[in-house]
């Protein structure tokens, strides 16, 4: 399926924004992006497929591959450019994007979607990392906040390639202008391999955003309104880079419906963060 077609329609008309793309069930092979840390939150880097235990709807599965640091990243940035971001916050976004660019590897792909009352794809996915800085320098924050529509768009293009997909969302306010409702985005999170890390301002956390992070295996960051964003963005990228990508072929489980996942590691003190399931 062409993953860019739904986003192209979404960006071209307000009618198309209510349309949801049809995703494959991925039942032939399930991918799970997993973070494993020790008690001090340091990544454990020497694990193999034998160290992981996966249960799909309670049924023990065989891990085929456990990749660590071997695949390039697809880093999707979805940034709020409503009028509340004008001024100091916009400058922080530009500085943070510069720091993020410095941390990307040459093979990593990056994209940028911005939203106010309009969702705009400023940088399509590519290895042209300078695009995000140039686009944010030219952008002018203004208008209301279509957060849900922006997240939906970012997750849609995040599915376009076979690498590991991170969507980093920044917003400093509540949604005031979206056409979609949050249930559509949460449903997309259940069907997607994109891992979502939202960064929101304390006191302005949308109801759905923490659930979306949990559904996709990501983590929510809440920051002060005057906090620098560069450190947070770099922390997210570093954490994501040190995650494992597990694959397995489901056996002895029915197709369709919601599949509950349990992921454990045979190491004392190991902490695991992964999506809780997938839509078959």
Protein backbone atom coordinates (compact mmCIF):
# COMPACT_ATOMS: atom_id res chain seq x y z
CA UNK A 1 0.00 0.00 0.00
CA UNK A 2 1.17 3.52 -0.73
CA UNK A 3 1.45 5.10 2.72
CA UNK A 4 1.87 8.61 1.29
CA UNK A 5 -1.48 8.63 -0.50
CA UNK A 6 -3.63 9.15 2.62
CA UNK A 7 -1.42 12.00 3.84
CA UNK A 8 -1.44 13.66 0.44
CA UNK A 9 -5.23 13.62 0.48
CA UNK A 10 -5.29 14.85 4.05
CA UNK A 11 -3.11 17.84 3.29
CA UNK A 12 -5.05 18.78 0.17
CA UNK A 13 -8.59 18.97 1.53
CA UNK A 14 -10.46 19.27 4.78
CA UNK A 15 -12.86 16.56 3.66
CA UNK A 16 -10.13 13.98 3.28
CA UNK A 17 -8.86 14.53 6.81
CA UNK A 18 -11.70 12.42 8.17
CA UNK A 19 -10.68 9.44 6.06
CA UNK A 20 -8.73 6.65 7.72
CA UNK A 21 -6.25 4.55 5.75
CA UNK A 22 -6.65 0.79 5.79
CA UNK A 23 -3.72 -0.93 7.43
CA UNK A 24 -2.66 -4.54 7.00
CA UNK A 25 -3.06 -6.80 10.02
CA UNK A 26 0.68 -7.64 10.09
CA UNK A 27 -0.39 -11.07 11.31
CA UNK A 28 2.19 -12.73 9.03
CA UNK A 29 5.01 -11.22 11.08
CA UNK A 30 4.74 -9.05 14.16
CA UNK A 31 7.34 -6.38 14.97
CA UNK A 32 7.77 -5.05 18.50
CA UNK A 33 9.98 -2.11 19.36
CA UNK A 34 11.25 -2.75 22.90
CA UNK A 35 13.26 -0.68 25.37
CA UNK A 36 15.16 -2.71 27.99
CA UNK A 37 16.93 -0.95 30.84
CA UNK A 38 18.50 -1.84 34.16
CA UNK A 39 17.39 -0.48 37.53
CA UNK A 40 19.29 2.77 36.79
CA UNK A 41 17.48 3.23 33.44
CA UNK A 42 20.61 2.43 31.45
CA UNK A 43 19.95 0.46 28.25
CA UNK A 44 20.93 -3.21 28.26
CA UNK A 45 22.80 -3.72 25.00
CA UNK A 46 23.94 -7.34 24.84
CA UNK A 47 20.66 -9.22 24.62
CA UNK A 48 19.84 -11.84 21.99
CA UNK A 49 16.58 -13.40 20.85
CA UNK A 50 16.99 -16.09 23.51
CA UNK A 51 16.79 -13.49 26.28
CA UNK A 52 13.26 -12.39 25.33
CA UNK A 53 9.99 -14.09 26.24
CA UNK A 54 6.91 -13.06 24.23
CA UNK A 55 3.34 -14.20 24.81
CA UNK A 56 0.65 -13.37 22.26
CA UNK A 57 -2.77 -13.67 23.92
CA UNK A 58 -1.08 -15.80 26.55
CA UNK A 59 0.55 -18.18 24.06
CA UNK A 60 4.34 -18.43 24.16
CA UNK A 61 5.97 -17.40 20.88
CA UNK A 62 9.39 -17.90 19.33
CA UNK A 63 11.41 -14.73 18.74
CA UNK A 64 12.91 -14.91 15.27
CA UNK A 65 15.14 -11.82 15.37
CA UNK A 66 16.28 -9.33 18.00
CA UNK A 67 17.98 -6.40 16.28
CA UNK A 68 19.81 -3.73 18.27
CA UNK A 69 21.28 -0.63 16.66
CA UNK A 70 21.33 -2.28 13.24
CA UNK A 71 18.57 -0.40 11.44
CA UNK A 72 18.40 3.24 10.42
CA UNK A 73 15.71 5.38 12.01
CA UNK A 74 12.69 7.11 10.51
CA UNK A 75 12.30 10.15 12.75
CA UNK A 76 9.01 11.96 12.28
CA UNK A 77 8.67 15.37 13.91
CA UNK A 78 5.16 16.71 14.50
CA UNK A 79 5.32 20.24 15.90
CA UNK A 80 2.73 22.69 17.16
CA UNK A 81 3.00 26.05 15.36
CA UNK A 82 -0.12 27.71 16.76
CA UNK A 83 0.01 31.26 18.05
CA UNK A 84 0.95 30.13 21.59
CA UNK A 85 4.31 28.95 20.22
CA UNK A 86 5.28 32.38 18.88
CA UNK A 87 8.32 34.06 20.37
CA UNK A 88 10.57 32.25 22.87
CA UNK A 89 8.97 28.81 22.36
CA UNK A 90 9.51 29.00 18.61
CA UNK A 91 13.17 29.88 19.20
CA UNK A 92 13.51 26.88 21.52
CA UNK A 93 11.98 24.62 18.87
CA UNK A 94 14.53 25.86 16.33
CA UNK A 95 17.44 25.30 18.73
CA UNK A 96 16.16 21.87 19.69
CA UNK A 97 15.80 20.88 16.04
CA UNK A 98 19.40 21.93 15.41
CA UNK A 99 20.56 19.75 18.32
CA UNK A 100 18.46 16.87 17.03
CA UNK A 101 19.94 17.23 13.55
CA UNK A 102 23.42 16.95 15.03
CA UNK A 103 22.48 13.62 16.63
CA UNK A 104 21.08 11.98 13.49
CA UNK A 105 23.21 9.51 11.56
CA UNK A 106 23.63 9.94 7.78
CA UNK A 107 21.29 7.02 6.99
CA UNK A 108 18.54 8.21 9.34
CA UNK A 109 15.53 9.73 7.63
CA UNK A 110 13.63 12.68 9.05
CA UNK A 111 10.33 14.36 8.26
CA UNK A 112 8.54 17.40 9.64
CA UNK A 113 4.82 18.05 9.94
CA UNK A 114 3.56 21.22 11.58
CA UNK A 115 0.05 22.07 12.68
CA UNK A 116 -1.96 25.06 13.74
CA UNK A 117 -5.46 25.17 12.22
CA UNK A 118 -3.82 23.65 9.12
CA UNK A 119 -1.68 20.49 8.92
CA UNK A 120 1.35 21.00 6.66
CA UNK A 121 4.09 18.60 5.60
CA UNK A 122 7.13 20.86 5.66
CA UNK A 123 9.72 18.13 5.03
CA UNK A 124 8.84 14.79 3.44
CA UNK A 125 10.85 11.77 4.73
CA UNK A 126 14.45 11.98 3.51
CA UNK A 127 18.07 12.06 4.63
CA UNK A 128 18.11 15.83 4.06
CA UNK A 129 18.40 16.68 7.75
CA UNK A 130 18.88 20.40 7.10
CA UNK A 131 15.29 20.67 5.87
CA UNK A 132 13.85 20.73 9.39
CA UNK A 133 15.95 23.74 10.41
CA UNK A 134 15.21 25.63 7.22
CA UNK A 135 11.47 24.93 7.48
CA UNK A 136 11.21 26.06 11.11
CA UNK A 137 13.20 29.20 10.36
CA UNK A 138 10.69 30.13 7.64
CA UNK A 139 7.57 29.18 9.62
CA UNK A 140 5.44 31.74 11.43
CA UNK A 141 3.42 30.44 14.42
CA UNK A 142 -0.20 31.52 14.20
CA UNK A 143 -3.78 30.40 14.73
CA UNK A 144 -5.42 27.54 16.62
CA UNK A 145 -4.23 24.01 17.48
CA UNK A 146 -5.21 20.94 15.40
CA UNK A 147 -3.16 18.52 17.51
CA UNK A 148 -5.16 15.37 16.77
CA UNK A 149 -5.06 15.96 13.01
CA UNK A 150 -1.32 16.63 13.18
CA UNK A 151 -0.58 13.43 15.11
CA UNK A 152 -2.74 11.41 12.71
CA UNK A 153 -0.81 12.82 9.75
CA UNK A 154 2.56 12.15 11.37
CA UNK A 155 1.72 8.55 12.17
CA UNK A 156 0.46 7.97 8.63
CA UNK A 157 3.69 8.99 6.95
CA UNK A 158 5.67 7.24 9.70
CA UNK A 159 4.49 3.93 8.25
CA UNK A 160 6.01 4.57 4.86
CA UNK A 161 9.35 2.74 5.19
CA UNK A 162 10.70 -0.51 6.61
CA UNK A 163 13.03 0.99 9.19
CA UNK A 164 12.27 1.78 12.82
CA UNK A 165 9.81 4.65 13.11
CA UNK A 166 9.76 7.24 15.88
CA UNK A 167 7.24 10.05 16.00
CA UNK A 168 8.20 12.92 18.27
CA UNK A 169 5.22 15.19 18.98
CA UNK A 170 5.50 18.64 20.53
CA UNK A 171 2.52 20.71 21.65
CA UNK A 172 2.07 23.38 24.29
CA UNK A 173 -1.71 23.54 24.32
CA UNK A 174 -5.00 21.69 24.09
CA UNK A 175 -6.63 20.79 20.78
CA UNK A 176 -8.93 23.52 19.50
CA UNK A 177 -9.26 22.92 15.76
CA UNK A 178 -9.10 19.23 14.73
CA UNK A 179 -11.58 17.51 12.42
CA UNK A 180 -10.73 14.03 13.76
CA UNK A 181 -11.45 12.83 17.27
CA UNK A 182 -8.90 11.18 19.53
CA UNK A 183 -10.42 7.69 19.14
CA UNK A 184 -9.35 7.65 15.49
CA UNK A 185 -5.75 8.34 16.47
CA UNK A 186 -5.80 5.76 19.27
CA UNK A 187 -7.13 3.15 16.84
CA UNK A 188 -4.32 4.03 14.47
CA UNK A 189 -1.87 3.56 17.34
CA UNK A 190 -3.16 0.00 17.86
CA UNK A 191 -2.48 -0.84 14.20
CA UNK A 192 0.81 0.95 13.69
CA UNK A 193 4.49 0.16 14.23
CA UNK A 194 5.26 3.84 14.87
CA UNK A 195 6.45 4.57 18.42
CA UNK A 196 5.12 7.91 19.69
CA UNK A 197 6.99 10.12 22.18
CA UNK A 198 4.88 13.19 23.00
CA UNK A 199 6.39 16.30 24.62
CA UNK A 200 3.73 18.55 26.16
CA UNK A 201 3.70 21.56 28.45
CA UNK A 202 2.75 20.90 32.07
CA UNK A 203 -0.85 21.86 32.73
CA UNK A 204 -1.83 21.46 29.07
CA UNK A 205 -1.82 17.70 28.55
CA UNK A 206 -4.49 16.41 26.16
CA UNK A 207 -6.46 13.47 27.54
CA UNK A 208 -5.51 11.02 24.80
CA UNK A 209 -1.79 11.68 24.50
CA UNK A 210 -0.51 9.50 27.37
CA UNK A 211 -2.66 6.58 26.21
CA UNK A 212 -1.26 6.95 22.69
CA UNK A 213 2.31 6.85 24.02
CA UNK A 214 1.50 3.71 26.02
CA UNK A 215 -0.28 1.98 23.12
CA UNK A 216 2.74 2.44 20.85
CA UNK A 217 5.42 1.67 23.47
CA UNK A 218 6.62 5.27 23.76
CA UNK A 219 6.81 7.62 26.73
CA UNK A 220 5.20 10.94 27.58
CA UNK A 221 7.37 13.91 28.57
CA UNK A 222 5.86 16.87 30.40
CA UNK A 223 8.04 19.99 30.48
CA UNK A 224 7.77 23.44 32.03
CA UNK A 225 6.63 26.22 29.72
CA UNK A 226 10.05 27.91 29.81
CA UNK A 227 12.10 24.68 29.73
CA UNK A 228 14.71 24.16 27.04
CA UNK A 229 13.60 21.48 24.58
CA UNK A 230 16.97 20.45 23.13
CA UNK A 231 17.88 18.16 26.05
CA UNK A 232 14.48 16.46 25.97
CA UNK A 233 14.56 15.89 22.21
CA UNK A 234 18.06 14.43 22.35
CA UNK A 235 17.13 12.18 25.28
CA UNK A 236 14.20 10.79 23.31
CA UNK A 237 16.32 10.13 20.22
CA UNK A 238 19.08 8.46 22.26
CA UNK A 239 16.59 6.27 24.11
CA UNK A 240 14.88 5.23 20.90
CA UNK A 241 18.16 4.35 19.20
CA UNK A 242 18.97 1.91 22.00
CA UNK A 243 15.78 -0.11 21.66
CA UNK A 244 15.47 -3.65 20.32
CA UNK A 245 13.34 -4.56 17.34
CA UNK A 246 11.85 -8.03 17.87
CA UNK A 247 10.07 -10.03 15.21
CA UNK A 248 8.08 -13.23 15.47
CA UNK A 249 5.51 -15.16 13.47
CA UNK A 250 2.36 -15.74 15.54
CA UNK A 251 1.59 -19.40 16.20
CA UNK A 252 -1.47 -21.01 17.79
CA UNK A 253 -3.37 -17.73 18.03
CA UNK A 254 -6.43 -16.70 16.05
CA UNK A 255 -6.23 -13.94 13.48
CA UNK A 256 -8.20 -10.77 13.96
CA UNK A 257 -9.18 -8.80 17.01
CA UNK A 258 -6.98 -7.34 19.71
CA UNK A 259 -3.90 -9.37 20.62
CA UNK A 260 -2.50 -8.78 24.11
CA UNK A 261 1.30 -8.85 24.19
CA UNK A 262 3.55 -9.67 27.12
CA UNK A 263 7.27 -9.07 26.68
CA UNK A 264 9.75 -10.11 29.34
CA UNK A 265 13.53 -10.44 29.56
CA UNK A 266 15.42 -13.22 31.31
CA UNK A 267 17.74 -10.88 33.17
CA UNK A 268 17.49 -9.94 36.88
CA UNK A 269 16.33 -6.34 37.34
CA UNK A 270 15.57 -5.78 33.66
CA UNK A 271 12.81 -3.28 32.90
CA UNK A 272 10.86 -3.56 29.67
CA UNK A 273 8.80 -0.99 27.78
CA UNK A 274 6.86 -2.19 24.73
CA UNK A 275 3.43 -1.78 23.20
CA UNK A 276 0.77 -3.75 25.10
CA UNK A 277 -0.71 -5.36 22.00
CA UNK A 278 -1.69 -5.06 18.35
CA UNK A 279 -4.81 -5.20 16.23
CA UNK A 280 -4.85 -8.40 14.22
